[in-house]
C-alpha atoms as a PDB file:
ATOM      1  CA  UNK A   1       0.122   0.100  -0.106  1.00  0.00           C
ATOM      2  CA  UNK A   2       1.018   3.174  -1.191  1.00  0.00           C
ATOM      3  CA  UNK A   3       2.758   5.318   1.978  1.00  0.00           C
ATOM      4  CA  UNK A   4      -0.529   8.513   1.555  1.00  0.00           C
ATOM      5  CA  UNK A   5      -2.701   6.035   1.760  1.00  0.00           C
ATOM      6  CA  UNK A   6      -1.945   4.014   4.797  1.00  0.00           C
ATOM      7  CA  UNK A   7      -1.408   7.300   6.493  1.00  0.00           C
ATOM      8  CA  UNK A   8      -4.793   8.367   5.732  1.00  0.00           C
ATOM      9  CA  UNK A   9      -6.177   5.213   6.199  1.00  0.00           C
ATOM     10  CA  UNK A  10      -4.470   5.192  10.281  1.00  0.00           C
ATOM     11  CA  UNK A  11      -6.082   8.272  10.530  1.00  0.00           C
ATOM     12  CA  UNK A  12      -9.993   7.616   8.844  1.00  0.00           C
ATOM     13  CA  UNK A  13      -9.360   4.494  11.909  1.00  0.00           C
ATOM     14  CA  UNK A  14      -7.739   6.707  14.888  1.00  0.00           C
ATOM     15  CA  UNK A  15      -5.755   3.580  15.493  1.00  0.00           C
ATOM     16  CA  UNK A  16      -2.200   4.797  16.666  1.00  0.00           C
ATOM     17  CA  UNK A  17       0.204   4.899  13.821  1.00  0.00           C
ATOM     18  CA  UNK A  18       2.418   1.910  14.942  1.00  0.00           C
ATOM     19  CA  UNK A  19      -0.539  -0.071  14.324  1.00  0.00           C
ATOM     20  CA  UNK A  20      -0.197   0.802  10.738  1.00  0.00           C
ATOM     21  CA  UNK A  21       3.116  -1.092  10.799  1.00  0.00           C
ATOM     22  CA  UNK A  22       1.845  -4.721  12.423  1.00  0.00           C
ATOM     23  CA  UNK A  23       2.557  -7.761  10.125  1.00  0.00           C
ATOM     24  CA  UNK A  24      -0.267  -8.643   7.339  1.00  0.00           C
ATOM     25  CA  UNK A  25      -0.672 -11.711   8.985  1.00  0.00           C
ATOM     26  CA  UNK A  26      -4.709 -13.000   8.836  1.00  0.00           C
ATOM     27  CA  UNK A  27      -4.828 -13.987  11.696  1.00  0.00           C
ATOM     28  CA  UNK A  28      -3.225 -11.407  13.839  1.00  0.00           C
ATOM     29  CA  UNK A  29      -5.816  -9.130  11.282  1.00  0.00           C
ATOM     30  CA  UNK A  30      -8.920 -10.543  12.752  1.00  0.00           C
ATOM     31  CA  UNK A  31      -7.272 -10.261  15.928  1.00  0.00           C
ATOM     32  CA  UNK A  32      -6.311  -6.755  15.905  1.00  0.00           C
ATOM     33  CA  UNK A  33      -9.582  -5.626  13.510  1.00  0.00           C
ATOM     34  CA  UNK A  34     -12.075  -4.665  16.186  1.00  0.00           C
ATOM     35  CA  UNK A  35     -10.480  -2.675  18.217  1.00  0.00           C
ATOM     36  CA  UNK A  36      -8.970  -0.386  15.041  1.00  0.00           C
ATOM     37  CA  UNK A  37     -12.818   0.080  14.452  1.00  0.00           C
ATOM     38  CA  UNK A  38     -13.277   1.980  17.699  1.00  0.00           C
ATOM     39  CA  UNK A  39     -12.577   5.534  18.156  1.00  0.00           C
ATOM     40  CA  UNK A  40     -10.560   6.935  20.647  1.00  0.00           C
ATOM     41  CA  UNK A  41     -12.353  10.327  22.489  1.00  0.00           C
ATOM     42  CA  UNK A  42     -11.534  13.160  22.760  1.00  0.00           C
ATOM     43  CA  UNK A  43      -9.033  14.485  25.456  1.00  0.00           C
ATOM     44  CA  UNK A  44      -7.508  17.602  25.923  1.00  0.00           C
ATOM     45  CA  UNK A  45      -4.487  18.410  25.851  1.00  0.00           C
ATOM     46  CA  UNK A  46      -1.970  17.418  29.571  1.00  0.00           C
ATOM     47  CA  UNK A  47      -0.621  21.235  30.198  1.00  0.00           C
ATOM     48  CA  UNK A  48      -4.604  22.356  29.778  1.00  0.00           C
ATOM     49  CA  UNK A  49      -5.317  20.846  33.094  1.00  0.00           C
ATOM     50  CA  UNK A  50      -2.507  21.740  34.270  1.00  0.00           C
ATOM     51  CA  UNK A  51      -2.290  25.308  36.253  1.00  0.00           C
ATOM     52  CA  UNK A  52       0.172  27.983  35.986  1.00  0.00           C
ATOM     53  CA  UNK A  53       2.208  27.522  38.711  1.00  0.00           C
ATOM     54  CA  UNK A  54       2.051  31.441  39.088  1.00  0.00           C
ATOM     55  CA  UNK A  55      -1.692  30.765  39.798  1.00  0.00           C
ATOM     56  CA  UNK A  56      -1.570  27.527  41.981  1.00  0.00           C
ATOM     57  CA  UNK A  57      -2.100  29.067  45.454  1.00  0.00           C
ATOM     58  CA  UNK A  58      -0.250  27.328  48.517  1.00  0.00           C
ATOM     59  CA  UNK A  59      -1.969  24.566  50.784  1.00  0.00           C
ATOM     60  CA  UNK A  60      -3.891  26.765  53.441  1.00  0.00           C
ATOM     61  CA  UNK A  61      -4.087  30.186  51.913  1.00  0.00           C
ATOM     62  CA  UNK A  62      -7.912  29.512  51.598  1.00  0.00           C
ATOM     63  CA  UNK A  63      -8.208  28.031  55.591  1.00  0.00           C
ATOM     64  CA  UNK A  64      -6.400  31.287  56.784  1.00  0.00           C
ATOM     65  CA  UNK A  65      -8.225  33.429  54.203  1.00  0.00           C
ATOM     66  CA  UNK A  66     -11.361  32.105  56.027  1.00  0.00           C
ATOM     67  CA  UNK A  67     -10.170  31.804  59.757  1.00  0.00           C
ATOM     68  CA  UNK A  68      -8.890  35.380  60.601  1.00  0.00           C
ATOM     69  CA  UNK A  69     -12.543  35.974  58.878  1.00  0.00           C
ATOM     70  CA  UNK A  70     -14.316  34.236  61.631  1.00  0.00           C
ATOM     71  CA  UNK A  71     -11.433  34.603  64.078  1.00  0.00           C
ATOM     72  CA  UNK A  72     -12.912  34.864  67.673  1.00  0.00           C
ATOM     73  CA  UNK A  73     -10.373  37.669  70.421  1.00  0.00           C
ATOM     74  CA  UNK A  74      -8.732  36.061  73.075  1.00  0.00           C
ATOM     75  CA  UNK A  75     -11.024  35.027  76.060  1.00  0.00           C
ATOM     76  CA  UNK A  76     -10.474  36.057  79.218  1.00  0.00           C
ATOM     77  CA  UNK A  77     -12.568  32.366  80.577  1.00  0.00           C
ATOM     78  CA  UNK A  78     -11.912  29.615  79.049  1.00  0.00           C
ATOM     79  CA  UNK A  79     -12.859  25.634  79.568  1.00  0.00           C
ATOM     80  CA  UNK A  80     -11.208  25.461  83.226  1.00  0.00           C
ATOM     81  CA  UNK A  81     -11.642  29.018  84.374  1.00  0.00           C
ATOM     82  CA  UNK A  82     -15.251  28.235  84.079  1.00  0.00           C
ATOM     83  CA  UNK A  83     -15.505  24.520  85.253  1.00  0.00           C
ATOM     84  CA  UNK A  84     -14.390  26.818  88.434  1.00  0.00           C
ATOM     85  CA  UNK A  85     -17.383  29.050  88.891  1.00  0.00           C
ATOM     86  CA  UNK A  86     -20.324  27.106  87.259  1.00  0.00           C
ATOM     87  CA  UNK A  87     -21.800  24.014  88.565  1.00  0.00           C
ATOM     88  CA  UNK A  88     -22.736  22.908  85.194  1.00  0.00           C
ATOM     89  CA  UNK A  89     -20.915  19.684  83.495  1.00  0.00           C
ATOM     90  CA  UNK A  90     -20.716  17.868  80.424  1.00  0.00           C
ATOM     91  CA  UNK A  91     -23.709  17.486  79.073  1.00  0.00           C
ATOM     92  CA  UNK A  92     -24.977  20.222  80.153  1.00  0.00           C
ATOM     93  CA  UNK A  93     -22.275  23.154  80.173  1.00  0.00           C
ATOM     94  CA  UNK A  94     -23.133  25.680  77.394  1.00  0.00           C
ATOM     95  CA  UNK A  95     -20.373  27.523  77.968  1.00  0.00           C
ATOM     96  CA  UNK A  96     -17.366  27.812  75.595  1.00  0.00           C
ATOM     97  CA  UNK A  97     -15.537  30.759  76.822  1.00  0.00           C
ATOM     98  CA  UNK A  98     -15.798  34.302  78.825  1.00  0.00           C
ATOM     99  CA  UNK A  99     -14.592  37.344  75.321  1.00  0.00           C
ATOM    100  CA  UNK A 100     -15.685  39.773  77.767  1.00  0.00           C
ATOM    101  CA  UNK A 101     -16.246  40.375  81.961  1.00  0.00           C
ATOM    102  CA  UNK A 102     -16.886  43.333  83.928  1.00  0.00           C
ATOM    103  CA  UNK A 103     -17.814  42.150  87.937  1.00  0.00           C
ATOM    104  CA  UNK A 104     -21.004  42.695  88.988  1.00  0.00           C
ATOM    105  CA  UNK A 105     -21.803  43.987  86.094  1.00  0.00           C
ATOM    106  CA  UNK A 106     -22.201  41.753  82.385  1.00  0.00           C
ATOM    107  CA  UNK A 107     -20.543  39.370  80.757  1.00  0.00           C
ATOM    108  CA  UNK A 108     -20.079  38.373  77.012  1.00  0.00           C
ATOM    109  CA  UNK A 109     -20.003  34.065  76.399  1.00  0.00           C
ATOM    110  CA  UNK A 110     -19.556  32.226  72.909  1.00  0.00           C
ATOM    111  CA  UNK A 111     -21.282  28.559  72.700  1.00  0.00           C
ATOM    112  CA  UNK A 112     -20.084  26.686  69.524  1.00  0.00           C
ATOM    113  CA  UNK A 113     -23.174  24.396  68.500  1.00  0.00           C
ATOM    114  CA  UNK A 114     -21.829  21.029  66.870  1.00  0.00           C
ATOM    115  CA  UNK A 115     -23.334  17.963  64.981  1.00  0.00           C
ATOM    116  CA  UNK A 116     -22.497  15.937  68.381  1.00  0.00           C
ATOM    117  CA  UNK A 117     -24.177  17.297  70.478  1.00  0.00           C
ATOM    118  CA  UNK A 118     -26.612  14.781  72.401  1.00  0.00           C
ATOM    119  CA  UNK A 119     -29.862  16.991  72.175  1.00  0.00           C
ATOM    120  CA  UNK A 120     -29.441  16.394  68.271  1.00  0.00           C
ATOM    121  CA  UNK A 121     -30.147  12.570  68.205  1.00  0.00           C
ATOM    122  CA  UNK A 122     -33.942  13.997  68.983  1.00  0.00           C
ATOM    123  CA  UNK A 123     -34.318  16.684  67.641  1.00  0.00           C
ATOM    124  CA  UNK A 124     -34.009  16.269  65.222  1.00  0.00           C
ATOM    125  CA  UNK A 125     -32.451  13.361  62.928  1.00  0.00           C
ATOM    126  CA  UNK A 126     -33.283  14.851  59.973  1.00  0.00           C
ATOM    127  CA  UNK A 127     -33.063  18.871  60.638  1.00  0.00           C
ATOM    128  CA  UNK A 128     -30.547  19.857  63.520  1.00  0.00           C
ATOM    129  CA  UNK A 129     -32.030  22.752  65.435  1.00  0.00           C
ATOM    130  CA  UNK A 130     -30.512  24.053  68.564  1.00  0.00           C
ATOM    131  CA  UNK A 131     -33.796  23.271  71.217  1.00  0.00           C
ATOM    132  CA  UNK A 132     -34.587  26.691  72.370  1.00  0.00           C
ATOM    133  CA  UNK A 133     -34.973  26.187  75.977  1.00  0.00           C
ATOM    134  CA  UNK A 134     -30.796  25.022  75.509  1.00  0.00           C
ATOM    135  CA  UNK A 135     -30.709  28.423  74.006  1.00  0.00           C
ATOM    136  CA  UNK A 136     -31.969  30.345  76.905  1.00  0.00           C
ATOM    137  CA  UNK A 137     -30.212  27.880  78.979  1.00  0.00           C
ATOM    138  CA  UNK A 138     -27.002  29.069  77.790  1.00  0.00           C
ATOM    139  CA  UNK A 139     -27.638  33.003  78.191  1.00  0.00           C
ATOM    140  CA  UNK A 140     -28.789  31.859  81.990  1.00  0.00           C
ATOM    141  CA  UNK A 141     -25.241  30.362  82.654  1.00  0.00           C
ATOM    142  CA  UNK A 142     -23.810  33.453  81.432  1.00  0.00           C
ATOM    143  CA  UNK A 143     -25.754  35.171  83.445  1.00  0.00           C
ATOM    144  CA  UNK A 144     -23.959  32.436  85.862  1.00  0.00           C
ATOM    145  CA  UNK A 145     -20.802  34.327  85.404  1.00  0.00           C
ATOM    146  CA  UNK A 146     -21.388  37.264  86.541  1.00  0.00           C
ATOM    147  CA  UNK A 147     -23.822  36.242  89.326  1.00  0.00           C
ATOM    148  CA  UNK A 148     -22.063  33.585  90.879  1.00  0.00           C
ATOM    149  CA  UNK A 149     -18.549  36.394  91.348  1.00  0.00           C
ATOM    150  CA  UNK A 150     -18.234  39.132  93.806  1.00  0.00           C
ATOM    151  CA  UNK A 151     -19.580  41.478  94.152  1.00  0.00           C
ATOM    152  CA  UNK A 152     -22.489  39.832  93.351  1.00  0.00           C
ATOM    153  CA  UNK A 153     -22.263  36.319  95.569  1.00  0.00           C
ATOM    154  CA  UNK A 154     -19.026  34.356  96.798  1.00  0.00           C
ATOM    155  CA  UNK A 155     -17.789  31.402  95.287  1.00  0.00           C
ATOM    156  CA  UNK A 156     -19.194  29.064  95.329  1.00  0.00           C
ATOM    157  CA  UNK A 157     -23.043  30.003  96.174  1.00  0.00           C
ATOM    158  CA  UNK A 158     -25.847  28.585  94.182  1.00  0.00           C
ATOM    159  CA  UNK A 159     -28.076  30.198  91.346  1.00  0.00           C
ATOM    160  CA  UNK A 160     -31.060  29.143  90.555  1.00  0.00           C
ATOM    161  CA  UNK A 161     -33.886  30.120  87.301  1.00  0.00           C
ATOM    162  CA  UNK A 162     -36.335  32.966  89.106  1.00  0.00           C
ATOM    163  CA  UNK A 163     -38.140  33.546  85.869  1.00  0.00           C
ATOM    164  CA  UNK A 164     -37.824  34.570  82.357  1.00  0.00           C
ATOM    165  CA  UNK A 165     -40.257  37.423  80.192  1.00  0.00           C
ATOM    166  CA  UNK A 166     -40.006  38.943  77.339  1.00  0.00           C
ATOM    167  CA  UNK A 167     -38.188  35.907  75.473  1.00  0.00           C
ATOM    168  CA  UNK A 168     -37.665  35.481  71.387  1.00  0.00           C
ATOM    169  CA  UNK A 169     -36.578  33.301  68.970  1.00  0.00           C
ATOM    170  CA  UNK A 170     -35.514  34.757  65.714  1.00  0.00           C
ATOM    171  CA  UNK A 171     -33.752  32.254  64.077  1.00  0.00           C
ATOM    172  CA  UNK A 172     -32.807  28.821  63.964  1.00  0.00           C
ATOM    173  CA  UNK A 173     -29.506  27.584  64.837  1.00  0.00           C
ATOM    174  CA  UNK A 174     -28.019  24.427  63.381  1.00  0.00           C
ATOM    175  CA  UNK A 175     -24.452  22.831  63.501  1.00  0.00           C
ATOM    176  CA  UNK A 176     -22.233  25.385  62.407  1.00  0.00           C
ATOM    177  CA  UNK A 177     -23.453  28.443  63.923  1.00  0.00           C
ATOM    178  CA  UNK A 178     -21.355  30.356  66.843  1.00  0.00           C
ATOM    179  CA  UNK A 179     -23.975  31.478  69.398  1.00  0.00           C
ATOM    180  CA  UNK A 180     -22.406  35.006  70.717  1.00  0.00           C
ATOM    181  CA  UNK A 181     -24.221  36.498  74.306  1.00  0.00           C
ATOM    182  CA  UNK A 182     -24.433  38.907  76.852  1.00  0.00           C
ATOM    183  CA  UNK A 183     -26.290  39.286  79.148  1.00  0.00           C
ATOM    184  CA  UNK A 184     -26.644  42.244  81.011  1.00  0.00           C
ATOM    185  CA  UNK A 185     -27.549  42.750  84.953  1.00  0.00           C
ATOM    186  CA  UNK A 186     -29.785  45.050  85.329  1.00  0.00           C
ATOM    187  CA  UNK A 187     -30.980  44.335  88.769  1.00  0.00           C
ATOM    188  CA  UNK A 188     -29.782  43.611  92.300  1.00  0.00           C
ATOM    189  CA  UNK A 189     -31.348  43.104  95.431  1.00  0.00           C
ATOM    190  CA  UNK A 190     -28.821  41.669  97.379  1.00  0.00           C
ATOM    191  CA  UNK A 191     -30.653  41.075 100.757  1.00  0.00           C
ATOM    192  CA  UNK A 192     -33.191  39.049  98.960  1.00  0.00           C
ATOM    193  CA  UNK A 193     -30.821  37.420  96.600  1.00  0.00           C
ATOM    194  CA  UNK A 194     -32.740  38.525  93.534  1.00  0.00           C
ATOM    195  CA  UNK A 195     -30.313  38.792  90.378  1.00  0.00           C
ATOM    196  CA  UNK A 196     -32.622  40.996  87.002  1.00  0.00           C
ATOM    197  CA  UNK A 197     -30.587  40.400  83.762  1.00  0.00           C
ATOM    198  CA  UNK A 198     -31.372  41.209  80.146  1.00  0.00           C
ATOM    199  CA  UNK A 199     -29.459  39.819  77.589  1.00  0.00           C
ATOM    200  CA  UNK A 200     -29.115  38.468  73.906  1.00  0.00           C
ATOM    201  CA  UNK A 201     -27.858  36.109  71.795  1.00  0.00           C
ATOM    202  CA  UNK A 202     -26.467  37.189  67.411  1.00  0.00           C
ATOM    203  CA  UNK A 203     -25.193  34.440  65.211  1.00  0.00           C
ATOM    204  CA  UNK A 204     -23.097  35.940  62.526  1.00  0.00           C
ATOM    205  CA  UNK A 205     -23.692  39.542  64.227  1.00  0.00           C
ATOM    206  CA  UNK A 206     -27.549  39.126  63.379  1.00  0.00           C
ATOM    207  CA  UNK A 207     -29.901  39.029  66.273  1.00  0.00           C
ATOM    208  CA  UNK A 208     -30.741  34.996  67.424  1.00  0.00           C
ATOM    209  CA  UNK A 209     -32.440  35.936  71.084  1.00  0.00           C
ATOM    210  CA  UNK A 210     -33.334  37.490  73.647  1.00  0.00           C
ATOM    211  CA  UNK A 211     -34.833  37.610  77.197  1.00  0.00           C
ATOM    212  CA  UNK A 212     -35.066  38.664  80.389  1.00  0.00           C
ATOM    213  CA  UNK A 213     -34.350  36.472  83.283  1.00  0.00           C
ATOM    214  CA  UNK A 214     -34.413  36.463  86.854  1.00  0.00           C
ATOM    215  CA  UNK A 215     -32.146  34.951  88.956  1.00  0.00           C
ATOM    216  CA  UNK A 216     -32.412  33.916  93.027  1.00  0.00           C
ATOM    217  CA  UNK A 217     -28.634  33.362  94.545  1.00  0.00           C
ATOM    218  CA  UNK A 218     -28.832  30.893  97.259  1.00  0.00           C
ATOM    219  CA  UNK A 219     -28.879  32.721 100.317  1.00  0.00           C
ATOM    220  CA  UNK A 220     -25.536  30.956 102.286  1.00  0.00           C
ATOM    221  CA  UNK A 221     -22.367  29.447 101.280  1.00  0.00           C
ATOM    222  CA  UNK A 222     -22.382  25.466 100.794  1.00  0.00           C
ATOM    223  CA  UNK A 223     -20.524  23.946 103.400  1.00  0.00           C
ATOM    224  CA  UNK A 224     -16.896  22.323 101.412  1.00  0.00           C
END
């Protein structure tokens, strides 16, 4: 066969050029004929699948960018400090760290909501939402950070819910949310051990929950 016809046949069949130079054995031709009829898929050049070195971002650059956007200020109280003030423990300790604290006046703290918390096994299995009562409990614990320390109380005293009013939930809280809560003292009657506070909680800068709280402090210090 003339070389020009051979090249044309190879191009039409979309087979590698080396296949055209196989021996013209009838048996071998029978074995190789079927693959020759299958058209090879079009493939982009390998260079087109590679990013230019100048366009490559170093590993971690994207994570660093997002991390800076959600960075928390340095805490004034961490978990070990919180456990010395509040009597709550897993699974009911709902304050992760305190960002700001003014004795006898206010506190700002956060609760990081994660999917592995036990309440989500039933509330709800297919759509996990932090129960509203636990949001209120978390805010009350932030109030306890203030109420259970001097000048309002001596370490070791207990405090209890006396009431909650004007509660409003503005949005559902789901795993991945970070609830930032502020509790501020509005009235305190030391003689009766009654403390009133107002609180608000935010997620991504948007109000999520708010309410007015009344706490009753134990009048006597617990026995060591």
